Amino acid sequence: MTVTPLVRVQLEDFDAQAEAGHLTEGRRDVGALVTFTGLCRDEAGTLSALELEHYPGMAEAELGRIAGEAISRWPLTGLTVIHRHGRIRPGENIVLVIAASSHRRAAFEAADFLMDFLKTRAPFWKKEHLVQAEDGTGEGDGNRTSAWVEASTRDDVDADRWT
């Protein structure tokens, strides 16, 4: 059976349970379903929102390539990758990865692989918007009220383990 991943980049929120249901509905070959939902943190109360920008078309294509790599490495029965863009508040969903397989190890590893490469290869840019103090300044950081987030070397280290 050929698996075609579902890949979406969207402004609106997603329902992880409904998306998982789409991968398992009427299927008897799914023995494991691993889901990862990435949420926006509040960064100890200093973050009011995270703004995610992407390169339309290129982001979807790169997510599709990463998903294709996962499908070629593990015996998956289904795969979903949804990434949001726009302004996302703390506690809201950012990304969803669901890997379905007959056996748990393949589903766990595929989901982990996807997140590692999504963090390092997908063309998304993050801007943090800080909570405003009463005087209009950002809390805890002088007058800075927003800033682009730099890439994390930790993400590169995580991705390197798959090569």
N, C-alpha and C. Protein backbone atom coordinates (compact mmCIF):
# COMPACT_ATOMS: atom_id res chain seq x y z
N MET A 1 0.84 -1.18 0.00
CA MET A 1 0.00 0.00 0.00
C MET A 1 0.90 1.25 0.00
N THR A 2 0.59 2.17 -0.87
CA THR A 2 1.32 3.43 -0.92
C THR A 2 0.67 4.43 0.01
N VAL A 3 1.47 5.04 0.85
CA VAL A 3 0.97 6.03 1.80
C VAL A 3 1.20 7.42 1.23
N THR A 4 0.15 8.20 1.17
CA THR A 4 0.24 9.59 0.75
C THR A 4 0.02 10.45 1.99
N PRO A 5 1.04 11.21 2.39
CA PRO A 5 0.87 12.01 3.62
C PRO A 5 -0.09 13.17 3.40
N LEU A 6 -0.79 13.52 4.44
CA LEU A 6 -1.61 14.73 4.43
C LEU A 6 -0.73 15.84 5.00
N VAL A 7 -0.50 16.88 4.23
CA VAL A 7 0.33 18.01 4.66
C VAL A 7 -0.46 19.28 4.45
N ARG A 8 -0.58 20.07 5.53
CA ARG A 8 -1.29 21.35 5.43
C ARG A 8 -0.55 22.42 6.21
N VAL A 9 -0.53 23.62 5.66
CA VAL A 9 -0.08 24.81 6.36
C VAL A 9 -1.29 25.73 6.36
N GLN A 10 -1.72 26.13 7.57
CA GLN A 10 -2.99 26.85 7.66
C GLN A 10 -2.98 27.87 8.77
N LEU A 11 -3.85 28.86 8.62
CA LEU A 11 -4.01 29.91 9.62
C LEU A 11 -4.86 29.41 10.80
N GLU A 12 -5.89 28.66 10.50
CA GLU A 12 -6.84 28.23 11.53
C GLU A 12 -6.32 27.08 12.38
N ASP A 13 -6.91 26.93 13.54
CA ASP A 13 -6.55 25.87 14.48
C ASP A 13 -6.93 24.51 13.89
N PHE A 14 -6.46 23.45 14.50
CA PHE A 14 -6.79 22.09 14.08
C PHE A 14 -7.30 21.31 15.28
N ASP A 15 -7.98 20.22 15.00
CA ASP A 15 -8.51 19.33 16.03
C ASP A 15 -7.72 18.02 15.94
N ALA A 16 -6.80 17.83 16.87
CA ALA A 16 -5.91 16.67 16.84
C ALA A 16 -6.69 15.35 16.87
N GLN A 17 -7.73 15.29 17.67
CA GLN A 17 -8.51 14.05 17.77
C GLN A 17 -9.22 13.74 16.47
N ALA A 18 -9.79 14.76 15.83
CA ALA A 18 -10.47 14.55 14.54
C ALA A 18 -9.47 14.11 13.48
N GLU A 19 -8.29 14.73 13.47
CA GLU A 19 -7.26 14.36 12.49
C GLU A 19 -6.80 12.93 12.71
N ALA A 20 -6.64 12.50 13.95
CA ALA A 20 -6.27 11.12 14.25
C ALA A 20 -7.36 10.16 13.78
N GLY A 21 -8.59 10.57 13.97
CA GLY A 21 -9.71 9.75 13.51
C GLY A 21 -9.69 9.52 12.01
N HIS A 22 -9.26 10.52 11.24
CA HIS A 22 -9.18 10.36 9.78
C HIS A 22 -8.16 9.29 9.39
N LEU A 23 -7.10 9.16 10.18
CA LEU A 23 -6.07 8.15 9.87
C LEU A 23 -6.47 6.74 10.26
N THR A 24 -7.39 6.61 11.19
CA THR A 24 -7.75 5.28 11.69
C THR A 24 -9.14 4.81 11.27
N GLU A 25 -9.95 5.71 10.81
CA GLU A 25 -11.35 5.38 10.48
C GLU A 25 -11.42 4.26 9.44
N GLY A 26 -12.09 3.18 9.83
CA GLY A 26 -12.29 2.04 8.94
C GLY A 26 -11.03 1.23 8.66
N ARG A 27 -9.98 1.49 9.38
CA ARG A 27 -8.70 0.80 9.14
C ARG A 27 -8.49 -0.26 10.21
N ARG A 28 -8.06 -1.43 9.79
CA ARG A 28 -7.76 -2.51 10.74
C ARG A 28 -6.28 -2.83 10.77
N ASP A 29 -5.50 -2.11 9.95
CA ASP A 29 -4.06 -2.37 9.88
C ASP A 29 -3.25 -1.42 10.77
N VAL A 30 -3.92 -0.51 11.47
CA VAL A 30 -3.23 0.44 12.34
C VAL A 30 -3.14 -0.15 13.74
N GLY A 31 -1.91 -0.41 14.17
CA GLY A 31 -1.69 -0.94 15.51
C GLY A 31 -1.12 0.11 16.45
N ALA A 32 -0.67 1.22 15.87
CA ALA A 32 -0.07 2.29 16.68
C ALA A 32 -0.34 3.63 16.02
N LEU A 33 -0.64 4.58 16.87
CA LEU A 33 -0.88 5.95 16.42
C LEU A 33 -0.13 6.86 17.38
N VAL A 34 0.87 7.55 16.87
CA VAL A 34 1.66 8.47 17.70
C VAL A 34 1.34 9.88 17.25
N THR A 35 0.92 10.70 18.19
CA THR A 35 0.61 12.10 17.87
C THR A 35 1.53 13.01 18.67
N PHE A 36 1.93 14.07 18.02
CA PHE A 36 2.68 15.13 18.69
C PHE A 36 1.98 16.44 18.36
N THR A 37 1.63 17.17 19.39
CA THR A 37 1.05 18.50 19.22
C THR A 37 1.98 19.50 19.87
N GLY A 38 2.49 20.42 19.08
CA GLY A 38 3.33 21.49 19.60
C GLY A 38 2.47 22.68 19.96
N LEU A 39 2.66 23.21 21.16
CA LEU A 39 1.87 24.32 21.66
C LEU A 39 2.74 25.56 21.84
N CYS A 40 2.13 26.70 21.82
CA CYS A 40 2.82 27.96 22.08
C CYS A 40 2.99 28.12 23.59
N ARG A 41 4.24 28.28 24.04
CA ARG A 41 4.52 28.51 25.47
C ARG A 41 4.35 29.99 25.78
N ASP A 42 4.18 30.31 27.06
CA ASP A 42 4.08 31.73 27.45
C ASP A 42 5.41 32.30 27.91
N GLU A 43 6.47 31.48 27.90
CA GLU A 43 7.81 31.92 28.27
C GLU A 43 7.81 32.65 29.62
N ALA A 44 7.31 31.97 30.63
CA ALA A 44 7.25 32.48 32.01
C ALA A 44 6.43 33.77 32.11
N GLY A 45 5.38 33.84 31.32
CA GLY A 45 4.47 34.99 31.39
C GLY A 45 4.90 36.21 30.59
N THR A 46 6.00 36.11 29.84
CA THR A 46 6.48 37.28 29.08
C THR A 46 5.98 37.33 27.65
N LEU A 47 5.43 36.23 27.13
CA LEU A 47 5.03 36.17 25.73
C LEU A 47 3.52 36.38 25.58
N SER A 48 3.14 37.34 24.76
CA SER A 48 1.71 37.52 24.49
C SER A 48 1.29 36.74 23.25
N ALA A 49 2.21 36.55 22.30
CA ALA A 49 1.89 35.78 21.09
C ALA A 49 3.17 35.44 20.35
N LEU A 50 3.08 34.41 19.54
CA LEU A 50 4.14 34.01 18.65
C LEU A 50 3.58 34.19 17.24
N GLU A 51 4.30 34.91 16.42
CA GLU A 51 3.88 35.11 15.04
C GLU A 51 4.72 34.23 14.14
N LEU A 52 4.06 33.37 13.37
CA LEU A 52 4.76 32.46 12.47
C LEU A 52 4.51 32.88 11.03
N GLU A 53 5.59 33.11 10.32
CA GLU A 53 5.51 33.41 8.90
C GLU A 53 6.09 32.24 8.14
N HIS A 54 5.64 32.06 6.92
CA HIS A 54 6.16 30.97 6.09
C HIS A 54 6.24 31.45 4.65
N TYR A 55 6.92 30.68 3.85
CA TYR A 55 7.04 30.94 2.43
C TYR A 55 5.99 30.05 1.76
N PRO A 56 4.81 30.62 1.36
CA PRO A 56 3.74 29.79 0.79
C PRO A 56 4.22 28.96 -0.41
N GLY A 57 3.79 27.74 -0.44
CA GLY A 57 4.20 26.82 -1.50
C GLY A 57 5.49 26.11 -1.14
N MET A 58 6.50 26.87 -0.77
CA MET A 58 7.77 26.26 -0.39
C MET A 58 7.64 25.51 0.93
N ALA A 59 6.91 26.07 1.88
CA ALA A 59 6.73 25.41 3.18
C ALA A 59 6.02 24.07 3.00
N GLU A 60 4.93 24.07 2.23
CA GLU A 60 4.19 22.83 2.00
C GLU A 60 5.06 21.79 1.28
N ALA A 61 5.83 22.26 0.29
CA ALA A 61 6.69 21.35 -0.47
C ALA A 61 7.75 20.72 0.43
N GLU A 62 8.36 21.53 1.30
CA GLU A 62 9.40 20.99 2.18
C GLU A 62 8.80 20.03 3.20
N LEU A 63 7.64 20.37 3.76
CA LEU A 63 6.97 19.44 4.68
C LEU A 63 6.66 18.13 3.96
N GLY A 64 6.24 18.22 2.71
CA GLY A 64 5.96 17.02 1.91
C GLY A 64 7.20 16.18 1.69
N ARG A 65 8.34 16.84 1.44
CA ARG A 65 9.60 16.10 1.25
C ARG A 65 10.00 15.38 2.55
N ILE A 66 9.89 16.08 3.68
CA ILE A 66 10.23 15.48 4.96
C ILE A 66 9.31 14.29 5.25
N ALA A 67 8.02 14.47 5.00
CA ALA A 67 7.05 13.38 5.20
C ALA A 67 7.37 12.20 4.29
N GLY A 68 7.75 12.49 3.05
CA GLY A 68 8.14 11.43 2.13
C GLY A 68 9.34 10.65 2.62
N GLU A 69 10.31 11.35 3.20
CA GLU A 69 11.48 10.67 3.78
C GLU A 69 11.06 9.73 4.90
N ALA A 70 10.14 10.20 5.75
CA ALA A 70 9.67 9.35 6.85
C ALA A 70 8.96 8.11 6.31
N ILE A 71 8.16 8.28 5.29
CA ILE A 71 7.43 7.15 4.70
C ILE A 71 8.41 6.15 4.08
N SER A 72 9.50 6.65 3.51
CA SER A 72 10.47 5.73 2.90
C SER A 72 11.31 5.00 3.95
N ARG A 73 11.42 5.55 5.15
CA ARG A 73 12.25 4.95 6.20
C ARG A 73 11.50 3.97 7.10
N TRP A 74 10.21 4.21 7.31
CA TRP A 74 9.43 3.38 8.24
C TRP A 74 8.16 2.87 7.55
N PRO A 75 7.68 1.69 7.95
CA PRO A 75 6.47 1.12 7.36
C PRO A 75 5.20 1.76 7.96
N LEU A 76 4.89 2.94 7.48
CA LEU A 76 3.73 3.67 8.00
C LEU A 76 2.47 3.32 7.22
N THR A 77 1.35 3.42 7.91
CA THR A 77 0.05 3.23 7.25
C THR A 77 -0.65 4.56 7.03
N GLY A 78 -0.13 5.61 7.63
CA GLY A 78 -0.68 6.96 7.43
C GLY A 78 0.20 7.99 8.09
N LEU A 79 0.11 9.23 7.60
CA LEU A 79 0.93 10.30 8.14
C LEU A 79 0.24 11.64 7.90
N THR A 80 0.15 12.44 8.94
CA THR A 80 -0.43 13.78 8.86
C THR A 80 0.54 14.79 9.46
N VAL A 81 0.72 15.90 8.75
CA VAL A 81 1.54 17.00 9.24
C VAL A 81 0.76 18.30 9.00
N ILE A 82 0.44 19.00 10.08
CA ILE A 82 -0.27 20.28 9.97
C ILE A 82 0.54 21.32 10.74
N HIS A 83 0.83 22.42 10.10
CA HIS A 83 1.59 23.50 10.75
C HIS A 83 0.80 24.79 10.55
N ARG A 84 0.61 25.51 11.62
CA ARG A 84 -0.11 26.78 11.55
C ARG A 84 0.84 27.92 11.25
N HIS A 85 0.28 29.01 10.76
CA HIS A 85 1.02 30.26 10.61
C HIS A 85 0.12 31.37 11.14
N GLY A 86 0.66 32.55 11.25
CA GLY A 86 -0.09 33.68 11.78
C GLY A 86 0.24 33.90 13.25
N ARG A 87 -0.62 34.65 13.90
CA ARG A 87 -0.40 35.01 15.31
C ARG A 87 -1.03 33.95 16.20
N ILE A 88 -0.21 33.33 17.05
CA ILE A 88 -0.65 32.22 17.90
C ILE A 88 -0.37 32.60 19.35
N ARG A 89 -1.37 32.49 20.17
CA ARG A 89 -1.27 32.88 21.58
C ARG A 89 -0.81 31.69 22.44
N PRO A 90 -0.23 31.98 23.60
CA PRO A 90 0.18 30.89 24.50
C PRO A 90 -0.97 29.92 24.79
N GLY A 91 -0.63 28.65 24.74
CA GLY A 91 -1.62 27.60 24.97
C GLY A 91 -2.28 27.10 23.69
N GLU A 92 -2.13 27.84 22.59
CA GLU A 92 -2.74 27.42 21.33
C GLU A 92 -1.83 26.47 20.57
N ASN A 93 -2.45 25.68 19.69
CA ASN A 93 -1.73 24.71 18.87
C ASN A 93 -0.88 25.41 17.81
N ILE A 94 0.32 24.84 17.57
CA ILE A 94 1.18 25.31 16.48
C ILE A 94 1.32 24.23 15.41
N VAL A 95 1.68 23.02 15.83
CA VAL A 95 2.00 21.96 14.87
C VAL A 95 1.42 20.63 15.35
N LEU A 96 1.04 19.81 14.36
CA LEU A 96 0.53 18.47 14.64
C LEU A 96 1.21 17.48 13.72
N VAL A 97 1.75 16.43 14.30
CA VAL A 97 2.31 15.32 13.53
C VAL A 97 1.62 14.06 14.05
N ILE A 98 1.07 13.28 13.14
CA ILE A 98 0.46 12.00 13.50
C ILE A 98 1.04 10.93 12.59
N ALA A 99 1.64 9.93 13.19
CA ALA A 99 2.20 8.81 12.44
C ALA A 99 1.43 7.55 12.82
N ALA A 100 0.94 6.84 11.82
CA ALA A 100 0.21 5.59 12.03
C ALA A 100 1.02 4.46 11.42
N SER A 101 1.04 3.33 12.13
CA SER A 101 1.78 2.16 11.67
C SER A 101 1.16 0.91 12.28
N SER A 102 1.56 -0.21 11.77
CA SER A 102 1.10 -1.47 12.37
C SER A 102 1.76 -1.71 13.71
N HIS A 103 2.96 -1.14 13.89
CA HIS A 103 3.72 -1.37 15.12
C HIS A 103 4.21 -0.04 15.70
N ARG A 104 4.34 0.03 17.01
CA ARG A 104 4.62 1.27 17.72
C ARG A 104 5.97 1.90 17.38
N ARG A 105 7.01 1.11 17.27
CA ARG A 105 8.35 1.67 17.08
C ARG A 105 8.40 2.53 15.82
N ALA A 106 7.84 2.07 14.73
CA ALA A 106 7.85 2.83 13.47
C ALA A 106 7.10 4.16 13.64
N ALA A 107 5.98 4.12 14.33
CA ALA A 107 5.19 5.33 14.53
C ALA A 107 5.93 6.32 15.42
N PHE A 108 6.52 5.85 16.51
CA PHE A 108 7.29 6.73 17.39
C PHE A 108 8.46 7.38 16.65
N GLU A 109 9.24 6.56 15.96
CA GLU A 109 10.43 7.07 15.29
C GLU A 109 10.08 8.03 14.16
N ALA A 110 9.05 7.72 13.40
CA ALA A 110 8.66 8.59 12.29
C ALA A 110 8.20 9.96 12.81
N ALA A 111 7.43 9.97 13.88
CA ALA A 111 6.97 11.24 14.45
C ALA A 111 8.14 12.05 14.98
N ASP A 112 9.07 11.40 15.64
CA ASP A 112 10.25 12.07 16.19
C ASP A 112 11.11 12.64 15.06
N PHE A 113 11.35 11.84 14.04
CA PHE A 113 12.11 12.26 12.86
C PHE A 113 11.46 13.49 12.21
N LEU A 114 10.16 13.42 12.04
CA LEU A 114 9.45 14.53 11.40
C LEU A 114 9.61 15.83 12.17
N MET A 115 9.46 15.77 13.47
CA MET A 115 9.60 16.99 14.26
C MET A 115 11.03 17.53 14.21
N ASP A 116 12.02 16.64 14.27
CA ASP A 116 13.40 17.11 14.21
C ASP A 116 13.69 17.84 12.90
N PHE A 117 13.23 17.31 11.78
CA PHE A 117 13.50 17.94 10.50
C PHE A 117 12.56 19.09 10.19
N LEU A 118 11.37 19.06 10.73
CA LEU A 118 10.47 20.20 10.58
C LEU A 118 11.10 21.43 11.24
N LYS A 119 11.72 21.23 12.41
CA LYS A 119 12.34 22.34 13.14
C LYS A 119 13.56 22.90 12.41
N THR A 120 14.25 22.06 11.62
CA THR A 120 15.50 22.53 11.01
C THR A 120 15.38 22.84 9.53
N ARG A 121 14.43 22.24 8.82
CA ARG A 121 14.39 22.42 7.36
C ARG A 121 13.17 23.15 6.83
N ALA A 122 12.10 23.18 7.57
CA ALA A 122 10.88 23.82 7.05
C ALA A 122 11.03 25.35 7.10
N PRO A 123 10.66 26.05 6.03
CA PRO A 123 10.83 27.51 5.98
C PRO A 123 9.73 28.27 6.74
N PHE A 124 9.89 28.30 8.06
CA PHE A 124 9.03 29.07 8.93
C PHE A 124 9.90 30.03 9.73
N TRP A 125 9.38 31.20 10.01
CA TRP A 125 10.10 32.18 10.82
C TRP A 125 9.20 32.58 11.98
N LYS A 126 9.80 32.68 13.17
CA LYS A 126 9.04 32.98 14.39
C LYS A 126 9.42 34.35 14.92
N LYS A 127 8.40 35.09 15.30
CA LYS A 127 8.61 36.39 15.95
C LYS A 127 7.85 36.36 17.27
N GLU A 128 8.57 36.65 18.36
CA GLU A 128 7.94 36.69 19.68
C GLU A 128 7.41 38.10 19.94
N HIS A 129 6.16 38.16 20.38
CA HIS A 129 5.56 39.43 20.81
C HIS A 129 5.43 39.37 22.33
N LEU A 130 6.10 40.28 23.00
CA LEU A 130 6.14 40.26 24.46
C LEU A 130 4.94 40.96 25.08
N VAL A 131 4.61 40.55 26.30
CA VAL A 131 3.56 41.19 27.09
C VAL A 131 3.97 42.64 27.32
N GLN A 132 3.04 43.53 27.20
CA GLN A 132 3.32 44.96 27.38
C GLN A 132 3.10 45.38 28.83
N ALA A 133 4.05 46.11 29.37
CA ALA A 133 3.88 46.70 30.69
C ALA A 133 2.96 47.92 30.55
N GLU A 134 2.50 48.45 31.66
CA GLU A 134 1.60 49.60 31.61
C GLU A 134 2.22 50.80 30.91
N ASP A 135 3.54 50.92 30.95
CA ASP A 135 4.19 52.06 30.29
C ASP A 135 4.46 51.79 28.80
N GLY A 136 3.99 50.62 28.29
CA GLY A 136 4.14 50.31 26.88
C GLY A 136 5.41 49.59 26.51
N THR A 137 6.25 49.29 27.47
CA THR A 137 7.50 48.58 27.17
C THR A 137 7.29 47.09 27.36
N GLY A 138 8.18 46.32 26.78
CA GLY A 138 8.14 44.88 26.98
C GLY A 138 8.66 44.54 28.36
N GLU A 139 8.03 43.61 29.03
CA GLU A 139 8.46 43.23 30.38
C GLU A 139 9.80 42.53 30.34
N GLY A 140 10.69 42.90 31.22
CA GLY A 140 11.94 42.19 31.43
C GLY A 140 12.99 42.38 30.36
N ASP A 141 12.74 43.23 29.36
CA ASP A 141 13.71 43.36 28.29
C ASP A 141 13.76 44.79 27.77
N GLY A 142 13.84 45.75 28.67
CA GLY A 142 13.94 47.15 28.25
C GLY A 142 12.77 47.57 27.40
N ASN A 143 13.05 48.13 26.26
CA ASN A 143 11.98 48.61 25.37
C ASN A 143 11.63 47.62 24.27
N ARG A 144 12.23 46.46 24.26
CA ARG A 144 11.94 45.48 23.20
C ARG A 144 10.53 44.92 23.40
N THR A 145 9.70 45.00 22.37
CA THR A 145 8.35 44.47 22.45
C THR A 145 8.16 43.26 21.53
N SER A 146 9.06 43.07 20.57
CA SER A 146 9.01 41.90 19.71
C SER A 146 10.39 41.65 19.12
N ALA A 147 10.64 40.40 18.76
CA ALA A 147 11.92 40.04 18.16
C ALA A 147 11.79 38.72 17.42
N TRP A 148 12.54 38.59 16.34
CA TRP A 148 12.60 37.34 15.60
C TRP A 148 13.40 36.33 16.42
N VAL A 149 12.99 35.08 16.38
CA VAL A 149 13.63 34.01 17.14
C VAL A 149 14.73 33.39 16.28
N GLU A 150 15.90 33.28 16.85
CA GLU A 150 17.04 32.66 16.16
C GLU A 150 16.88 31.14 16.14
N ALA A 151 17.46 30.51 15.12
CA ALA A 151 17.45 29.05 15.05
C ALA A 151 18.23 28.48 16.23
N SER A 152 17.81 27.34 16.71
CA SER A 152 18.42 26.71 17.88
C SER A 152 19.44 25.66 17.44
N THR A 153 20.64 25.72 18.00
CA THR A 153 21.64 24.70 17.70
C THR A 153 21.20 23.33 18.24
N ARG A 154 20.38 23.35 19.28
CA ARG A 154 19.85 22.10 19.85
C ARG A 154 19.02 21.36 18.80
N ASP A 155 18.24 22.10 17.99
CA ASP A 155 17.46 21.48 16.93
C ASP A 155 18.35 20.79 15.91
N ASP A 156 19.48 21.43 15.57
CA ASP A 156 20.43 20.83 14.62
C ASP A 156 21.03 19.56 15.19
N VAL A 157 21.37 19.57 16.46
CA VAL A 157 21.93 18.38 17.11
C VAL A 157 20.90 17.24 17.08
N ASP A 158 19.65 17.56 17.37
CA ASP A 158 18.60 16.55 17.34
C ASP A 158 18.46 15.94 15.95
N ALA A 159 18.49 16.78 14.92
CA ALA A 159 18.33 16.30 13.54
C ALA A 159 19.54 15.48 13.09
N ASP A 160 20.73 15.81 13.57
CA ASP A 160 21.95 15.11 13.16
C ASP A 160 21.93 13.62 13.53
N ARG A 161 21.16 13.26 14.53
CA ARG A 161 21.17 11.85 14.95
C ARG A 161 20.51 10.92 13.92
N TRP A 162 19.78 11.49 12.95
CA TRP A 162 19.11 10.67 11.93
C TRP A 162 20.00 10.42 10.71
N THR A 163 21.18 11.04 10.67
CA THR A 163 22.03 10.88 9.48
C THR A 163 23.05 9.79 9.69
